[in-house]
Amino acid sequence: MTALIIVIVVVVVLLIVGAAVLLPRMRSRRLHEQFGPEYERTVETAGDRREAEQDLQARERRRRDLEIRPLDPGARNAYARSWRGAQEHFVDAPTQAVGEADALVQQVMQERGYPVGDFDQQARDVSVDHAGVVSEYRAAHAISVLNDSGQASTEQLREAMVHYRTLFGELLDGGDSQSDRTDPSNRSAR
């Protein structure tokens, strides 16, 4: 009887140790798969994997509290037309076109249900649903800040338009099927 109790205790201890080792690995793998490059960026920024993973999990919890919704087809088409207009303005007024692109992204985000106002929080919120393009958003925003202070080159402004276009296409799509999506990404910034 004593041997059976010892075996049961050993098995339970092994199960607990196994769970303590496997569960964090499974969580890390899930977060890495969901966030992709954003996972690596967050780990690098935090300097600690555990802290970064807590941050990513906090983003997920916050996202669950948001009511993110797709755009209705009419709004999606109107935004796509506005985007084409911003791209056309780039030829004659690149500085203003980047401002228009930033404003359009903000409008679409707000209409979809993302809180707007604080860029860092916006990027964190968007990263949960659009982890693959949040780096594009950060790059576009950095150039937009340079643009606001009159320090961005025309090439940088072109890059900002390309970055914004990538995020804009994702936001318009909203996870809907690509077959009924109006895709602004097939038009180039000039």
Protein backbone atom coordinates (compact mmCIF):
# COMPACT_ATOMS: atom_id res chain seq x y z
CA MET A 1 0.00 0.00 0.00
CA THR A 2 2.83 2.41 0.84
CA ALA A 3 4.48 1.71 -2.51
CA LEU A 4 1.24 2.56 -4.31
CA ILE A 5 0.96 5.87 -2.47
CA ILE A 6 4.57 6.70 -3.33
CA VAL A 7 3.97 5.87 -7.00
CA ILE A 8 0.84 8.05 -7.04
CA VAL A 9 2.69 10.96 -5.39
CA VAL A 10 5.58 10.64 -7.86
CA VAL A 11 3.17 10.57 -10.82
CA VAL A 12 1.31 13.64 -9.52
CA VAL A 13 4.58 15.51 -8.96
CA LEU A 14 5.75 14.60 -12.47
CA LEU A 15 2.44 15.80 -13.93
CA ILE A 16 2.71 19.10 -12.06
CA VAL A 17 6.32 19.60 -13.16
CA GLY A 18 5.41 18.65 -16.73
CA ALA A 19 2.53 21.13 -16.76
CA ALA A 20 4.74 23.84 -15.27
CA VAL A 21 7.20 23.34 -18.11
CA LEU A 22 4.79 22.74 -20.99
CA LEU A 23 2.11 25.37 -20.33
CA PRO A 24 4.45 28.38 -20.62
CA ARG A 25 5.94 26.89 -23.79
CA MET A 26 2.49 26.37 -25.26
CA ARG A 27 1.51 29.94 -24.34
CA SER A 28 4.71 31.28 -25.90
CA ARG A 29 4.11 29.29 -29.08
CA ARG A 30 0.49 30.50 -29.33
CA LEU A 31 1.48 34.14 -28.81
CA HIS A 32 4.34 33.85 -31.28
CA GLU A 33 2.02 32.36 -33.90
CA GLN A 34 -0.64 35.02 -33.33
CA PHE A 35 1.62 38.07 -33.18
CA GLY A 36 4.45 36.98 -35.48
CA PRO A 37 7.01 39.78 -35.92
CA GLU A 38 5.18 41.84 -33.29
CA TYR A 39 6.01 39.13 -30.74
CA GLU A 40 9.72 39.47 -31.49
CA ARG A 41 9.54 43.28 -31.42
CA THR A 42 7.75 43.21 -28.06
CA VAL A 43 10.28 40.78 -26.57
CA GLU A 44 13.13 42.97 -27.83
CA THR A 45 11.53 46.14 -26.48
CA ALA A 46 10.67 44.61 -23.10
CA GLY A 47 14.03 42.88 -22.79
CA ASP A 48 12.30 39.97 -21.07
CA ARG A 49 10.16 37.26 -22.67
CA ARG A 50 7.86 36.87 -19.67
CA GLU A 51 7.19 40.61 -19.48
CA ALA A 52 6.59 40.77 -23.23
CA GLU A 53 4.16 37.87 -23.11
CA GLN A 54 2.26 39.52 -20.25
CA ASP A 55 2.03 42.65 -22.40
CA LEU A 56 0.71 40.67 -25.38
CA GLN A 57 -1.83 38.90 -23.18
CA ALA A 58 -2.95 42.28 -21.78
CA ARG A 59 -3.47 43.44 -25.38
CA GLU A 60 -5.64 40.41 -26.03
CA ARG A 61 -7.72 41.07 -22.91
CA ARG A 62 -8.19 44.73 -23.88
CA ARG A 63 -9.13 43.71 -27.43
CA ARG A 64 -11.82 41.35 -26.13
CA ASP A 65 -13.46 44.37 -24.47
CA LEU A 66 -13.55 46.34 -27.73
CA GLU A 67 -16.43 46.00 -30.15
CA ILE A 68 -14.53 45.77 -33.43
CA ARG A 69 -16.81 45.50 -36.43
CA PRO A 70 -16.34 45.28 -40.18
CA LEU A 71 -17.21 48.22 -42.38
CA ASP A 72 -20.44 48.05 -44.29
CA PRO A 73 -19.89 47.83 -48.08
CA GLY A 74 -20.94 51.45 -48.68
CA ALA A 75 -18.46 52.81 -46.14
CA ARG A 76 -15.74 50.50 -47.45
CA ASN A 77 -16.26 51.78 -51.01
CA ALA A 78 -16.32 55.41 -49.84
CA TYR A 79 -13.07 54.96 -47.92
CA ALA A 80 -11.48 53.22 -50.92
CA ARG A 81 -12.44 56.23 -53.10
CA SER A 82 -11.00 58.60 -50.50
CA TRP A 83 -7.80 56.57 -50.46
CA ARG A 84 -7.49 56.80 -54.24
CA GLY A 85 -7.94 60.56 -53.89
CA ALA A 86 -5.15 60.78 -51.30
CA GLN A 87 -2.86 58.80 -53.59
CA GLU A 88 -3.69 61.08 -56.50
CA HIS A 89 -2.87 64.12 -54.34
CA PHE A 90 0.54 62.63 -53.67
CA VAL A 91 1.74 63.66 -57.13
CA ASP A 92 1.23 67.38 -56.51
CA ALA A 93 1.21 67.58 -52.71
CA PRO A 94 3.00 64.67 -51.03
CA THR A 95 3.07 66.36 -47.63
CA GLN A 96 -0.70 66.82 -47.60
CA ALA A 97 -1.32 63.36 -49.05
CA VAL A 98 0.48 61.73 -46.12
CA GLY A 99 -1.66 63.79 -43.76
CA GLU A 100 -4.77 62.62 -45.63
CA ALA A 101 -3.60 59.00 -45.44
CA ASP A 102 -3.05 59.28 -41.68
CA ALA A 103 -6.48 60.87 -41.22
CA LEU A 104 -8.14 58.15 -43.32
CA VAL A 105 -6.51 55.40 -41.27
CA GLN A 106 -7.74 57.13 -38.09
CA GLN A 107 -11.27 57.42 -39.48
CA VAL A 108 -11.44 53.79 -40.55
CA MET A 109 -10.05 52.65 -37.22
CA GLN A 110 -12.60 54.69 -35.34
CA GLU A 111 -15.50 53.50 -37.49
CA ARG A 112 -14.39 49.90 -36.99
CA GLY A 113 -14.42 50.43 -33.21
CA TYR A 114 -10.77 50.93 -32.34
CA PRO A 115 -10.15 53.73 -29.85
CA VAL A 116 -8.10 56.52 -31.41
CA GLY A 117 -6.07 59.32 -29.92
CA ASP A 118 -2.92 57.81 -28.43
CA PHE A 119 -0.77 56.32 -31.19
CA ASP A 120 1.05 53.80 -29.00
CA GLN A 121 -2.24 52.41 -27.66
CA GLN A 122 -3.71 52.35 -31.18
CA ALA A 123 -0.75 50.31 -32.41
CA ARG A 124 -1.12 47.93 -29.47
CA ASP A 125 -4.85 47.51 -30.16
CA VAL A 126 -4.37 46.99 -33.89
CA SER A 127 -1.56 44.48 -33.27
CA VAL A 128 -4.00 41.91 -31.90
CA ASP A 129 -6.00 41.71 -35.13
CA HIS A 130 -3.39 42.90 -37.63
CA ALA A 131 -0.05 41.81 -36.20
CA GLY A 132 1.40 41.33 -39.66
CA VAL A 133 1.02 44.98 -40.60
CA VAL A 134 1.35 46.87 -37.33
CA SER A 135 5.05 47.43 -38.15
CA GLU A 136 3.88 49.20 -41.32
CA TYR A 137 1.69 51.43 -39.16
CA ARG A 138 4.59 52.29 -36.87
CA ALA A 139 6.84 53.09 -39.84
CA ALA A 140 4.18 55.28 -41.47
CA HIS A 141 3.55 57.09 -38.20
CA ALA A 142 7.26 57.78 -37.67
CA ILE A 143 7.46 59.35 -41.13
CA SER A 144 4.23 61.26 -40.49
CA VAL A 145 5.81 62.79 -37.37
CA LEU A 146 8.81 63.83 -39.48
CA ASN A 147 6.37 65.22 -42.05
CA ASP A 148 4.59 67.29 -39.41
CA SER A 149 7.89 68.93 -38.50
CA GLY A 150 8.85 69.47 -42.16
CA GLN A 151 11.75 67.00 -42.01
CA ALA A 152 10.52 64.16 -44.25
CA SER A 153 11.98 63.71 -47.72
CA THR A 154 9.78 62.97 -50.71
CA GLU A 155 11.07 59.39 -50.72
CA GLN A 156 10.14 59.02 -47.05
CA LEU A 157 6.69 60.40 -47.80
CA ARG A 158 6.30 57.85 -50.58
CA GLU A 159 7.31 55.11 -48.15
CA ALA A 160 4.76 56.40 -45.64
CA MET A 161 2.02 56.14 -48.27
CA VAL A 162 3.03 52.55 -49.02
CA HIS A 163 3.04 51.69 -45.30
CA TYR A 164 -0.33 53.36 -44.72
CA ARG A 165 -1.75 51.60 -47.77
CA THR A 166 -0.83 48.20 -46.33
CA LEU A 167 -2.61 48.89 -43.04
CA PHE A 168 -5.48 50.64 -44.78
CA GLY A 169 -6.13 47.57 -46.94
CA GLU A 170 -6.21 45.36 -43.86
CA LEU A 171 -8.58 47.70 -42.06
CA LEU A 172 -10.92 47.89 -45.04
CA ASP A 173 -10.90 44.13 -45.35
CA GLY A 174 -11.71 43.65 -41.69
CA GLY A 175 -11.17 39.92 -42.02
CA ASP A 176 -13.87 39.58 -44.69
CA SER A 177 -13.24 37.38 -47.66
CA GLN A 178 -10.94 38.84 -50.24
CA SER A 179 -13.43 38.18 -53.01
CA ASP A 180 -15.69 41.06 -51.98
CA ARG A 181 -12.95 43.38 -50.75
CA THR A 182 -12.09 46.67 -52.34
CA ASP A 183 -8.31 46.48 -52.29
CA PRO A 184 -6.41 49.76 -52.45
CA SER A 185 -3.06 47.96 -52.38
CA ASN A 186 -3.03 47.37 -56.13
CA ARG A 187 -2.66 51.09 -56.73
CA SER A 188 0.77 52.57 -56.24
CA ALA A 189 1.74 55.78 -54.52
CA ARG A 190 3.35 57.91 -57.17
